[in-house]
Structure formats: C-alpha cells, structure tokens
C-alpha atoms as a PDB file:
ATOM      1  CA  MET A   1      20.127   4.110 -21.997  1.00  0.00           C
ATOM      2  CA  GLY A   2      17.277   5.184 -25.289  1.00  0.00           C
ATOM      3  CA  LYS A   3      16.804   3.187 -28.607  1.00  0.00           C
ATOM      4  CA  SER A   4      19.670   3.734 -31.367  1.00  0.00           C
ATOM      5  CA  GLY A   5      18.771   3.823 -34.601  1.00  0.00           C
ATOM      6  CA  ASP A   6      21.624   3.050 -37.318  1.00  0.00           C
ATOM      7  CA  MET A   7      20.686   4.804 -40.322  1.00  0.00           C
ATOM      8  CA  SER A   8      23.565   3.670 -42.788  1.00  0.00           C
ATOM      9  CA  LYS A   9      21.679  -0.155 -43.237  1.00  0.00           C
ATOM     10  CA  GLY A  10      18.368   0.261 -44.802  1.00  0.00           C
ATOM     11  CA  ALA A  11      16.207  -2.072 -46.454  1.00  0.00           C
ATOM     12  CA  PRO A  12      17.891  -3.290 -50.207  1.00  0.00           C
ATOM     13  CA  LYS A  13      16.990  -1.793 -53.340  1.00  0.00           C
ATOM     14  CA  LYS A  14      16.524  -4.223 -55.862  1.00  0.00           C
ATOM     15  CA  GLY A  15      19.631  -5.272 -57.615  1.00  0.00           C
ATOM     16  CA  GLY A  16      21.291  -5.763 -53.698  1.00  0.00           C
ATOM     17  CA  GLU A  17      22.131  -2.020 -53.524  1.00  0.00           C
ATOM     18  CA  GLN A  18      21.580  -0.646 -49.627  1.00  0.00           C
ATOM     19  CA  ARG A  19      19.016   2.657 -48.792  1.00  0.00           C
ATOM     20  CA  GLY A  20      20.163   5.102 -46.235  1.00  0.00           C
ATOM     21  CA  ARG A  21      23.836   6.220 -46.867  1.00  0.00           C
ATOM     22  CA  ALA A  22      23.395  10.548 -47.903  1.00  0.00           C
ATOM     23  CA  PRO A  23      26.845  10.942 -47.963  1.00  0.00           C
ATOM     24  CA  VAL A  24      27.272  14.781 -46.661  1.00  0.00           C
ATOM     25  CA  ASN A  25      30.765  16.524 -49.069  1.00  0.00           C
ATOM     26  CA  GLY A  26      32.054  13.168 -48.755  1.00  0.00           C
ATOM     27  CA  THR A  27      32.411  10.847 -51.871  1.00  0.00           C
ATOM     28  CA  GLU A  28      29.556   8.834 -53.850  1.00  0.00           C
ATOM     29  CA  PRO A  29      29.750   5.146 -52.756  1.00  0.00           C
ATOM     30  CA  THR A  30      28.840   4.241 -56.379  1.00  0.00           C
ATOM     31  CA  THR A  31      31.095   6.239 -58.513  1.00  0.00           C
ATOM     32  CA  GLY A  32      33.319   7.677 -56.120  1.00  0.00           C
ATOM     33  CA  LYS A  33      33.101  10.751 -57.450  1.00  0.00           C
ATOM     34  CA  PRO A  34      32.757  14.013 -54.909  1.00  0.00           C
ATOM     35  CA  CYS A  35      29.786  15.176 -53.599  1.00  0.00           C
ATOM     36  CA  ARG A  36      27.926  17.413 -51.571  1.00  0.00           C
ATOM     37  CA  VAL A  37      24.823  17.374 -49.797  1.00  0.00           C
ATOM     38  CA  VAL A  38      22.284  19.899 -50.476  1.00  0.00           C
ATOM     39  CA  GLY A  39      18.836  20.304 -52.390  1.00  0.00           C
ATOM     40  CA  ILE A  40      16.965  17.539 -52.482  1.00  0.00           C
ATOM     41  CA  GLY A  41      20.110  15.204 -50.456  1.00  0.00           C
ATOM     42  CA  ALA A  42      19.877  18.435 -47.628  1.00  0.00           C
ATOM     43  CA  SER A  43      16.689  17.648 -47.267  1.00  0.00           C
ATOM     44  CA  VAL A  44      16.576  13.221 -47.000  1.00  0.00           C
ATOM     45  CA  VAL A  45      19.088  13.775 -44.205  1.00  0.00           C
ATOM     46  CA  THR A  46      17.326  15.972 -42.336  1.00  0.00           C
ATOM     47  CA  SER A  47      13.909  13.742 -42.819  1.00  0.00           C
ATOM     48  CA  VAL A  48      15.617  11.091 -41.792  1.00  0.00           C
ATOM     49  CA  ILE A  49      17.585  12.593 -39.198  1.00  0.00           C
ATOM     50  CA  ASP A  50      13.242  13.759 -37.590  1.00  0.00           C
ATOM     51  CA  ILE A  51      11.947  10.493 -38.673  1.00  0.00           C
ATOM     52  CA  ALA A  52      14.416   8.581 -36.218  1.00  0.00           C
ATOM     53  CA  HIS A  53      13.424  11.840 -33.498  1.00  0.00           C
ATOM     54  CA  ASN A  54       9.155  11.097 -34.287  1.00  0.00           C
ATOM     55  CA  LEU A  55      10.587   7.757 -33.345  1.00  0.00           C
ATOM     56  CA  GLY A  56      11.927   7.829 -30.082  1.00  0.00           C
ATOM     57  CA  LEU A  57      15.274   7.418 -31.736  1.00  0.00           C
ATOM     58  CA  THR A  58      18.676   8.385 -31.390  1.00  0.00           C
ATOM     59  CA  ALA A  59      20.510   9.769 -34.933  1.00  0.00           C
ATOM     60  CA  VAL A  60      23.460   8.478 -35.282  1.00  0.00           C
ATOM     61  CA  ALA A  61      26.006   9.870 -38.017  1.00  0.00           C
ATOM     62  CA  GLU A  62      28.510   7.315 -39.535  1.00  0.00           C
ATOM     63  CA  GLU A  63      31.429   8.438 -41.717  1.00  0.00           C
ATOM     64  CA  VAL A  64      31.741  11.792 -40.360  1.00  0.00           C
ATOM     65  CA  GLU A  65      35.227  13.228 -42.068  1.00  0.00           C
ATOM     66  CA  THR A  66      35.317  17.098 -41.871  1.00  0.00           C
ATOM     67  CA  GLN A  67      34.280  19.827 -38.903  1.00  0.00           C
ATOM     68  CA  GLU A  68      31.866  20.570 -42.058  1.00  0.00           C
ATOM     69  CA  GLN A  69      30.017  17.070 -41.947  1.00  0.00           C
ATOM     70  CA  LEU A  70      29.499  17.956 -38.356  1.00  0.00           C
ATOM     71  CA  ALA A  71      28.074  21.022 -38.115  1.00  0.00           C
ATOM     72  CA  PHE A  72      25.168  20.375 -40.482  1.00  0.00           C
ATOM     73  CA  LEU A  73      24.733  17.016 -39.119  1.00  0.00           C
ATOM     74  CA  ALA A  74      24.616  18.803 -35.445  1.00  0.00           C
ATOM     75  CA  GLY A  75      22.632  21.834 -37.010  1.00  0.00           C
ATOM     76  CA  CYS A  76      19.727  18.913 -38.164  1.00  0.00           C
ATOM     77  CA  GLY A  77      19.924  17.546 -34.635  1.00  0.00           C
ATOM     78  CA  CYS A  78      21.604  14.513 -34.840  1.00  0.00           C
ATOM     79  CA  GLU A  79      23.211  13.686 -31.585  1.00  0.00           C
ATOM     80  CA  LEU A  80      26.051  10.985 -31.854  1.00  0.00           C
ATOM     81  CA  PHE A  81      29.104  10.896 -34.718  1.00  0.00           C
ATOM     82  CA  GLN A  82      31.509   8.705 -35.319  1.00  0.00           C
ATOM     83  CA  GLY A  83      34.513   8.806 -37.945  1.00  0.00           C
ATOM     84  CA  TYR A  84      37.693  10.153 -39.076  1.00  0.00           C
ATOM     85  CA  LEU A  85      37.351  13.105 -37.665  1.00  0.00           C
ATOM     86  CA  PHE A  86      37.309  11.365 -34.642  1.00  0.00           C
ATOM     87  CA  SER A  87      39.754   8.628 -34.696  1.00  0.00           C
ATOM     88  CA  LYS A  88      40.844   6.271 -37.214  1.00  0.00           C
ATOM     89  CA  PRO A  89      39.674   2.831 -36.550  1.00  0.00           C
ATOM     90  CA  LEU A  90      41.579   1.146 -33.201  1.00  0.00           C
ATOM     91  CA  PRO A  91      42.196  -2.552 -32.386  1.00  0.00           C
ATOM     92  CA  ALA A  92      39.811  -2.821 -29.035  1.00  0.00           C
ATOM     93  CA  GLU A  93      42.684  -2.678 -26.780  1.00  0.00           C
ATOM     94  CA  GLU A  94      44.119   0.569 -28.543  1.00  0.00           C
ATOM     95  CA  PHE A  95      39.968   1.918 -27.848  1.00  0.00           C
ATOM     96  CA  ALA A  96      39.804   1.033 -24.360  1.00  0.00           C
ATOM     97  CA  ASP A  97      43.256   3.244 -23.483  1.00  0.00           C
ATOM     98  CA  LEU A  98      41.878   5.886 -25.299  1.00  0.00           C
ATOM     99  CA  LEU A  99      38.140   5.781 -23.827  1.00  0.00           C
ATOM    100  CA  ARG A 100      40.437   5.828 -20.204  1.00  0.00           C
ATOM    101  CA  GLU A 101      42.479   8.412 -20.952  1.00  0.00           C
ATOM    102  CA  TRP A 102      38.625  10.297 -22.479  1.00  0.00           C
ATOM    103  CA  ARG A 103      37.259   9.768 -19.313  1.00  0.00           C
ATOM    104  CA  ARG A 104      40.757  10.529 -17.346  1.00  0.00           C
ATOM    105  CA  LEU A 105      40.438  13.636 -18.710  1.00  0.00           C
ATOM    106  CA  THR A 106      36.816  14.717 -18.951  1.00  0.00           C
ATOM    107  CA  SER A 107      35.829  13.946 -15.198  1.00  0.00           C
ATOM    108  CA  TRP A 108      35.933  16.644 -12.953  1.00  0.00           C
END
C-alpha cells in the first residue's frame, strides 16, 4: 500500500494556527464565512496535490461536502476523499456494517 499524506495537518504558524487547510466552496475555518477556492486558493490546492504526488504520496481530501468540491478535487488529481458527501461520522460498528454492505454490492 502506498504512502498517504494528510494535507489537513501542517506545521503550526505563529499563534498556534495550523497550515494546510484550504476550504473548497465551504466555510473559512477562522471566520465561519462562506468561501470558494478560486484564483490563488485554487492554485494552492492544486500545488499541494502536485507536491504530494511528487513526493510519492497519495492526496487525501477531507471535509468534502458537495459534488462541486468532489469534481474540483478529482479534476486536480486528488485520489481519496472523505466527508459528509459520503457519510456522516459513524460509530465503528456501523461503519463496519456499511463497509460489508459496500463490499457485498461491489463484488463481481
């Protein structure tokens, strides 16, 4: 299995904030205001994904909530996604049940 980079956890900046979170059509974590990644924000997202690939890592997007976010991130080359678009957070047993059902439905 290949290496995976968690792009949401970066080196702390001054003041204890974390780098690495780039909201895509979601809410800005520090202000709670709606925002979209365009221009320089989109460039940052694509650059982080490119850096992950250049380091031999798999790009993982967290907090994916809309089809628009998924399409943007997939178009940038991101391979793995998690977030409310796919499922709300589940207790371990419910997740295991969901995974078993998915495997049953997708096994040919």
